[in-house]
Protein backbone atom coordinates (compact mmCIF):
# COMPACT_ATOMS: atom_id res chain seq x y z
CA MET A 1 7.87 -41.09 21.71
CA SER A 2 4.51 -42.69 21.98
CA GLN A 3 2.35 -43.67 19.51
CA ASN A 4 -0.71 -42.56 21.99
CA LEU A 5 0.92 -38.73 21.42
CA LEU A 6 -0.81 -37.08 18.19
CA ASN A 7 1.64 -34.56 16.94
CA THR A 8 0.16 -31.75 15.07
CA PHE A 9 1.21 -29.97 12.30
CA ASP A 10 0.38 -27.27 9.53
CA VAL A 11 2.44 -29.57 6.83
CA VAL A 12 4.21 -32.88 7.37
CA VAL A 13 6.39 -33.75 4.55
CA VAL A 14 7.94 -37.44 4.21
CA GLY A 15 11.12 -37.96 2.61
CA ALA A 16 14.08 -35.73 3.15
CA GLY A 17 15.58 -35.12 -0.08
CA PRO A 18 16.16 -32.00 -1.48
CA ALA A 19 12.51 -31.95 -2.91
CA GLY A 20 11.31 -32.16 0.88
CA ALA A 21 13.78 -30.05 2.42
CA MET A 22 12.92 -27.01 0.28
CA ALA A 23 9.25 -27.84 0.75
CA ALA A 24 9.89 -27.95 4.59
CA ILE A 25 11.63 -24.19 4.18
CA GLU A 26 9.12 -22.96 1.86
CA ALA A 27 6.17 -23.07 4.70
CA VAL A 28 8.23 -22.72 7.35
CA ARG A 29 9.45 -19.00 6.26
CA SER A 30 5.42 -18.48 5.74
CA GLY A 31 5.36 -19.16 9.67
CA LEU A 32 3.64 -22.58 8.97
CA SER A 33 4.46 -25.65 11.78
CA VAL A 34 6.13 -28.09 9.60
CA ALA A 35 7.26 -32.07 10.26
CA ILE A 36 9.69 -34.22 8.12
CA ILE A 37 9.29 -38.02 8.52
CA LYS A 38 11.85 -40.12 7.24
CA LYS A 39 12.38 -43.72 7.63
CA THR A 40 15.99 -43.57 7.68
CA VAL A 41 18.58 -41.76 10.06
CA LEU A 42 20.16 -38.88 8.53
CA PRO A 43 22.38 -38.68 7.17
CA ARG A 44 22.52 -41.52 4.76
CA ARG A 45 23.88 -41.99 1.93
CA LYS A 46 21.85 -42.17 -1.60
CA VAL A 47 22.26 -43.23 -4.78
CA CYS A 48 23.06 -40.09 -7.22
CA ALA A 49 25.27 -38.43 -9.34
CA GLY A 50 25.32 -35.31 -7.10
CA GLY A 51 25.39 -32.84 -10.16
CA LEU A 52 23.67 -29.66 -9.60
CA VAL A 53 23.33 -27.26 -12.53
CA LYS A 54 23.62 -23.59 -12.56
CA ARG A 55 19.44 -23.75 -12.42
CA ALA A 56 19.50 -25.81 -9.35
CA VAL A 57 22.38 -23.44 -7.25
CA SER A 58 20.47 -20.39 -8.27
CA LEU A 59 17.52 -21.75 -6.73
CA ILE A 60 18.98 -22.31 -3.59
CA PRO A 61 18.86 -19.74 -0.91
CA LYS A 62 22.10 -17.76 -0.38
CA GLU A 63 22.43 -18.32 3.11
CA ILE A 64 22.72 -22.63 2.83
CA SER A 65 26.09 -23.43 2.91
CA PHE A 66 26.66 -26.89 1.93
CA PRO A 67 29.74 -28.60 0.78
CA ILE A 68 30.92 -29.11 -2.43
CA GLU A 69 33.19 -31.39 -4.03
CA GLN A 70 34.34 -29.83 -7.61
CA GLN A 71 33.30 -27.34 -9.64
CA CYS A 72 33.16 -28.12 -13.07
CA HIS A 73 33.30 -25.38 -15.97
CA SER A 74 32.95 -27.60 -18.67
CA ILE A 75 30.39 -30.29 -19.92
CA THR A 76 31.45 -32.62 -22.95
CA LEU A 77 28.73 -34.16 -24.86
CA SER A 78 30.33 -37.64 -26.91
CA VAL A 79 28.86 -40.21 -29.05
CA ASP A 80 31.05 -41.96 -30.63
CA ASP A 81 28.94 -43.63 -33.29
CA ALA A 82 28.05 -40.35 -34.88
CA ASN A 83 31.63 -38.73 -34.11
CA ILE A 84 30.25 -36.29 -32.43
CA ASP A 85 32.58 -34.84 -29.54
CA PHE A 86 30.76 -31.57 -28.19
CA THR A 87 32.40 -29.51 -24.99
CA GLN A 88 30.43 -26.26 -23.33
CA GLN A 89 32.64 -24.06 -21.46
CA ARG A 90 31.23 -21.46 -18.34
CA GLN A 91 31.81 -20.35 -15.06
CA ASN A 92 30.99 -23.25 -12.95
CA LEU A 93 28.46 -25.43 -15.49
CA VAL A 94 27.78 -28.19 -12.72
CA THR A 95 28.38 -27.79 -8.76
CA MET A 96 29.48 -31.61 -7.75
CA VAL A 97 28.04 -32.92 -4.16
CA CYS A 98 28.01 -35.50 -1.88
CA ARG A 99 24.58 -36.03 -1.51
CA SER A 100 24.46 -37.04 1.83
CA ALA A 101 26.07 -34.08 2.97
CA PHE A 102 24.28 -32.03 0.27
CA ASP A 103 21.05 -33.34 1.57
CA MET A 104 21.99 -32.64 5.16
CA ALA A 105 22.79 -29.14 4.90
CA LEU A 106 19.34 -28.41 3.54
CA ILE A 107 17.74 -30.34 6.36
CA GLN A 108 19.83 -28.83 9.28
CA TYR A 109 18.84 -25.11 7.86
CA ALA A 110 15.23 -26.15 7.78
CA LYS A 111 15.53 -27.45 11.22
CA SER A 112 17.29 -23.92 11.99
CA LEU A 113 14.32 -22.55 10.88
CA GLY A 114 11.62 -24.46 13.24
CA VAL A 115 11.31 -27.71 11.12
CA GLN A 116 10.83 -30.65 13.32
CA LEU A 117 12.56 -33.91 11.94
CA PHE A 118 11.53 -37.39 13.04
CA ASP A 119 13.95 -39.68 11.45
CA GLU A 120 13.70 -43.52 11.94
CA SER A 121 9.81 -42.91 11.80
CA SER A 122 8.47 -45.38 9.09
CA VAL A 123 4.71 -44.30 7.47
CA THR A 124 2.40 -47.24 8.38
CA ASN A 125 -0.94 -45.96 7.53
CA ILE A 126 -2.42 -42.46 5.71
CA SER A 127 -5.89 -41.33 6.10
CA PRO A 128 -6.85 -38.36 4.50
CA MET A 129 -9.89 -36.36 5.82
CA PRO A 130 -11.81 -33.32 4.84
CA THR A 131 -10.13 -31.09 7.11
CA HIS A 132 -6.82 -32.96 7.99
CA ILE A 133 -4.54 -35.64 7.43
CA ASN A 134 -4.01 -38.67 9.42
CA ILE A 135 -0.40 -39.71 9.57
CA GLN A 136 0.33 -43.26 10.98
CA THR A 137 4.05 -44.17 12.22
CA ASN A 138 6.01 -46.97 13.63
CA LEU A 139 7.14 -44.09 16.96
CA ALA A 140 3.81 -41.68 16.82
CA ASN A 141 1.10 -40.67 14.96
CA PHE A 142 0.29 -37.09 13.44
CA GLN A 143 -2.05 -34.79 12.15
CA ALA A 144 -1.35 -32.34 9.28
CA LYS A 145 -3.34 -29.90 7.48
CA TYR A 146 -1.33 -30.83 3.99
CA LEU A 147 0.45 -33.62 3.73
CA VAL A 148 3.88 -33.45 1.05
CA PHE A 149 5.12 -36.71 -0.51
CA ALA A 150 8.89 -36.72 -1.16
CA GLU A 151 9.68 -39.82 -0.93
CA GLY A 152 11.82 -40.34 -3.82
CA ALA A 153 11.04 -42.40 -7.51
CA THR A 154 9.94 -45.21 -5.42
CA ALA A 155 6.95 -43.84 -4.38
CA ARG A 156 5.51 -46.35 -2.30
CA LEU A 157 2.95 -44.21 -0.03
CA SER A 158 1.49 -42.40 -2.59
CA ASN A 159 0.81 -45.13 -5.14
CA GLN A 160 -1.85 -45.42 -2.59
CA PHE A 161 -3.43 -42.42 -3.90
CA TRP A 162 -1.90 -41.92 -7.23
CA SER A 163 -1.99 -43.91 -10.41
CA ASP A 164 2.05 -44.52 -11.26
CA GLU A 165 1.83 -44.28 -15.18
CA ARG A 166 5.83 -42.80 -14.51
CA LEU A 167 8.56 -43.89 -17.37
CA LEU A 168 10.63 -45.95 -14.62
CA LEU A 169 13.95 -46.92 -16.24
CA PRO A 170 17.18 -48.72 -14.16
CA SER A 171 20.34 -47.12 -13.70
CA LEU A 172 23.73 -48.09 -12.06
CA GLU A 173 26.33 -45.61 -10.40
CA ALA A 174 29.75 -46.49 -8.08
CA ASP A 175 32.30 -44.29 -6.84
CA VAL A 176 35.43 -45.36 -8.68
CA TYR A 177 38.79 -44.27 -7.44
CA VAL A 178 41.94 -43.95 -9.78
CA SER A 179 45.70 -42.79 -9.24
CA PRO A 180 46.18 -39.11 -8.93
CA GLU A 181 47.09 -39.15 -12.98
CA GLN A 182 44.05 -40.92 -14.05
CA HIS A 183 42.11 -38.26 -11.68
CA ASP A 184 43.74 -35.34 -12.92
CA SER A 185 43.29 -36.41 -17.00
CA LEU A 186 39.11 -36.68 -16.44
CA LYS A 187 38.92 -34.01 -13.63
CA HIS A 188 37.77 -30.50 -15.23
CA SER A 189 34.93 -32.01 -17.10
CA ALA A 190 31.63 -33.38 -16.33
CA ILE A 191 30.89 -35.67 -19.27
CA PHE A 192 27.50 -37.39 -20.82
CA ASP A 193 29.19 -40.27 -23.52
CA PHE A 194 26.26 -41.69 -25.35
CA GLY A 195 28.44 -43.74 -26.95
CA VAL A 196 28.40 -46.25 -24.30
CA PHE A 197 25.24 -48.41 -25.41
CA THR A 198 22.35 -48.14 -27.63
CA GLY A 199 19.28 -46.26 -25.38
CA GLY A 200 21.47 -44.81 -23.20
CA TYR A 201 24.53 -43.03 -21.85
CA GLY A 202 27.30 -43.24 -19.79
CA TRP A 203 28.55 -40.13 -17.33
CA ILE A 204 31.27 -38.83 -15.75
CA PHE A 205 31.77 -36.91 -13.00
CA PRO A 206 34.66 -35.62 -10.98
CA LYS A 207 34.37 -35.61 -7.33
CA GLY A 208 37.46 -34.52 -4.66
CA GLY A 209 38.93 -37.69 -4.45
CA HIS A 210 37.32 -39.99 -7.07
CA PHE A 211 34.49 -39.91 -9.86
CA SER A 212 31.27 -40.89 -10.05
CA ILE A 213 30.78 -42.94 -12.73
CA GLY A 214 27.00 -44.70 -14.30
CA LEU A 215 24.59 -45.88 -16.47
CA ALA A 216 21.46 -44.63 -17.54
CA VAL A 217 18.70 -46.44 -19.31
CA MET A 218 17.04 -44.19 -21.83
CA ARG A 219 14.65 -45.92 -23.84
CA SER A 220 11.95 -48.28 -22.69
CA GLY A 221 12.58 -52.01 -23.88
CA ALA A 222 16.45 -51.10 -24.31
CA SER A 223 18.42 -54.92 -23.42
CA VAL A 224 21.44 -54.16 -21.35
CA SER A 225 23.20 -55.51 -18.61
CA LEU A 226 24.15 -52.44 -16.84
CA GLN A 227 26.30 -54.96 -14.74
CA GLN A 228 28.64 -56.18 -17.73
CA THR A 229 28.28 -52.52 -19.19
CA PHE A 230 29.71 -50.85 -16.88
CA ASP A 231 33.16 -52.67 -16.81
CA ALA A 232 33.45 -52.64 -20.14
CA TYR A 233 32.46 -48.63 -19.45
CA LEU A 234 35.65 -48.53 -17.14
CA ASN A 235 37.77 -50.48 -19.55
CA LYS A 236 37.09 -47.84 -22.69
CA LEU A 237 37.68 -44.90 -20.25
CA GLY A 238 41.30 -46.33 -19.36
CA ILE A 239 40.58 -46.92 -16.00
CA THR A 240 41.88 -51.03 -16.28
CA HIS A 241 42.95 -51.72 -12.61
CA PRO A 242 40.84 -49.04 -10.20
CA GLU A 243 42.19 -48.18 -6.43
CA LYS A 244 39.10 -49.44 -5.54
CA ILE A 245 35.07 -49.41 -6.07
CA THR A 246 32.70 -48.49 -3.95
CA HIS A 247 28.99 -48.03 -3.74
CA ARG A 248 28.48 -50.16 -6.66
CA LYS A 249 24.25 -49.75 -6.59
CA GLY A 250 21.75 -50.13 -9.46
CA PHE A 251 18.68 -47.43 -9.02
CA ILE A 252 15.48 -45.87 -10.75
CA ILE A 253 14.79 -43.00 -12.48
CA PRO A 254 11.95 -41.65 -13.62
CA LEU A 255 11.78 -40.36 -16.89
CA SER A 256 7.96 -38.93 -17.50
CA PRO A 257 5.84 -37.09 -15.11
CA ARG A 258 2.63 -38.07 -13.41
CA LYS A 259 -0.35 -38.11 -15.80
CA GLU A 260 -2.54 -36.99 -13.03
CA ALA A 261 -2.64 -33.54 -11.25
CA LEU A 262 -0.01 -33.32 -8.44
CA MET A 263 -2.20 -32.31 -5.86
CA LYS A 264 -5.32 -34.31 -4.69
CA GLY A 265 -7.33 -32.97 -1.83
CA ARG A 266 -4.97 -31.99 0.84
CA MET A 267 -2.00 -33.96 -0.83
CA LEU A 268 1.12 -33.10 -2.80
CA LEU A 269 3.87 -34.80 -4.93
CA VAL A 270 6.97 -33.13 -5.70
CA GLY A 271 10.43 -34.01 -6.86
CA ASP A 272 10.68 -37.96 -8.25
CA THR A 273 7.89 -38.84 -6.68
CA ALA A 274 5.87 -36.63 -9.08
CA GLY A 275 8.00 -37.73 -12.00
CA LEU A 276 9.64 -34.39 -12.43
CA VAL A 277 12.91 -35.28 -14.54
CA ASP A 278 14.92 -33.38 -17.08
CA PRO A 279 13.48 -35.96 -20.05
CA ILE A 280 17.10 -36.32 -22.12
CA THR A 281 19.50 -35.96 -19.40
CA ALA A 282 17.51 -37.65 -16.55
CA GLU A 283 18.58 -34.78 -14.45
CA GLY A 284 16.60 -34.47 -11.20
CA LEU A 285 17.94 -32.24 -8.80
CA SER A 286 16.71 -29.02 -9.81
CA HIS A 287 13.28 -30.07 -11.01
CA ALA A 288 13.35 -31.29 -7.09
CA ILE A 289 14.31 -28.15 -5.36
CA GLN A 290 12.00 -26.03 -8.16
CA SER A 291 8.95 -28.40 -7.02
CA GLY A 292 9.34 -28.68 -3.68
CA MET A 293 9.57 -24.69 -3.28
CA GLY A 294 6.52 -24.41 -5.37
CA ALA A 295 4.89 -26.94 -2.73
CA GLY A 296 6.05 -25.22 0.14
């Protein structure tokens, strides 16, 4: 692909997560020409617990088939200090997915509708014009009537045009593999554990052959070493000798939305880029899907 070639679309989406994919799907369904630009090659690993609440699942078009790691029929909220242990049971309360496979299923569906994917394309410049937007990448140049920023929490590109007042807080997640006996003892419920440290919570999400276990800081100024607290949390859970721990990695979660309008001229913000998450649980997938559909 030559950089001198100008690719013209009605809509260009930067980012290929659920927010970007759903924006592209809605736009192309309306008869618009749509491109998705992604910096990395798909599929790619995404640091995310991968729990789809019922609202998120209900928003996904029925014709999209995506692999499910496990269905959880109960959610447990526990607060050790207050001696609170609350469990809600209902069919398919949380649908567990692997984000790389889930995101790829949405993108493949978008492509089947005519959306063009340009991965390995790093955006180098964005120039808004009165009637269109010019987007330069390392591989090609694009022109779009509208541009959707779905680049996740980092928001490197959109922050050129929006001030960023989102509250960004650190989190840590890992895939933890345990013995079949330990897995069976914890596999039936998604657990939110507010007794792990002051100012945040831990989670345990069962997947097909492992657990997504992580920590989320929920209060600005909370002083906590996530790496050390994570090890202590495993001990608390009785996981003293895990078979293996993979993809142990930190990331940031936005806990408050942008103060400015989420549309400027011909540019729109969606998902984490807009700061759209649940302020109590930090659940963001349903907000990503819904905001993407609205933008599209």
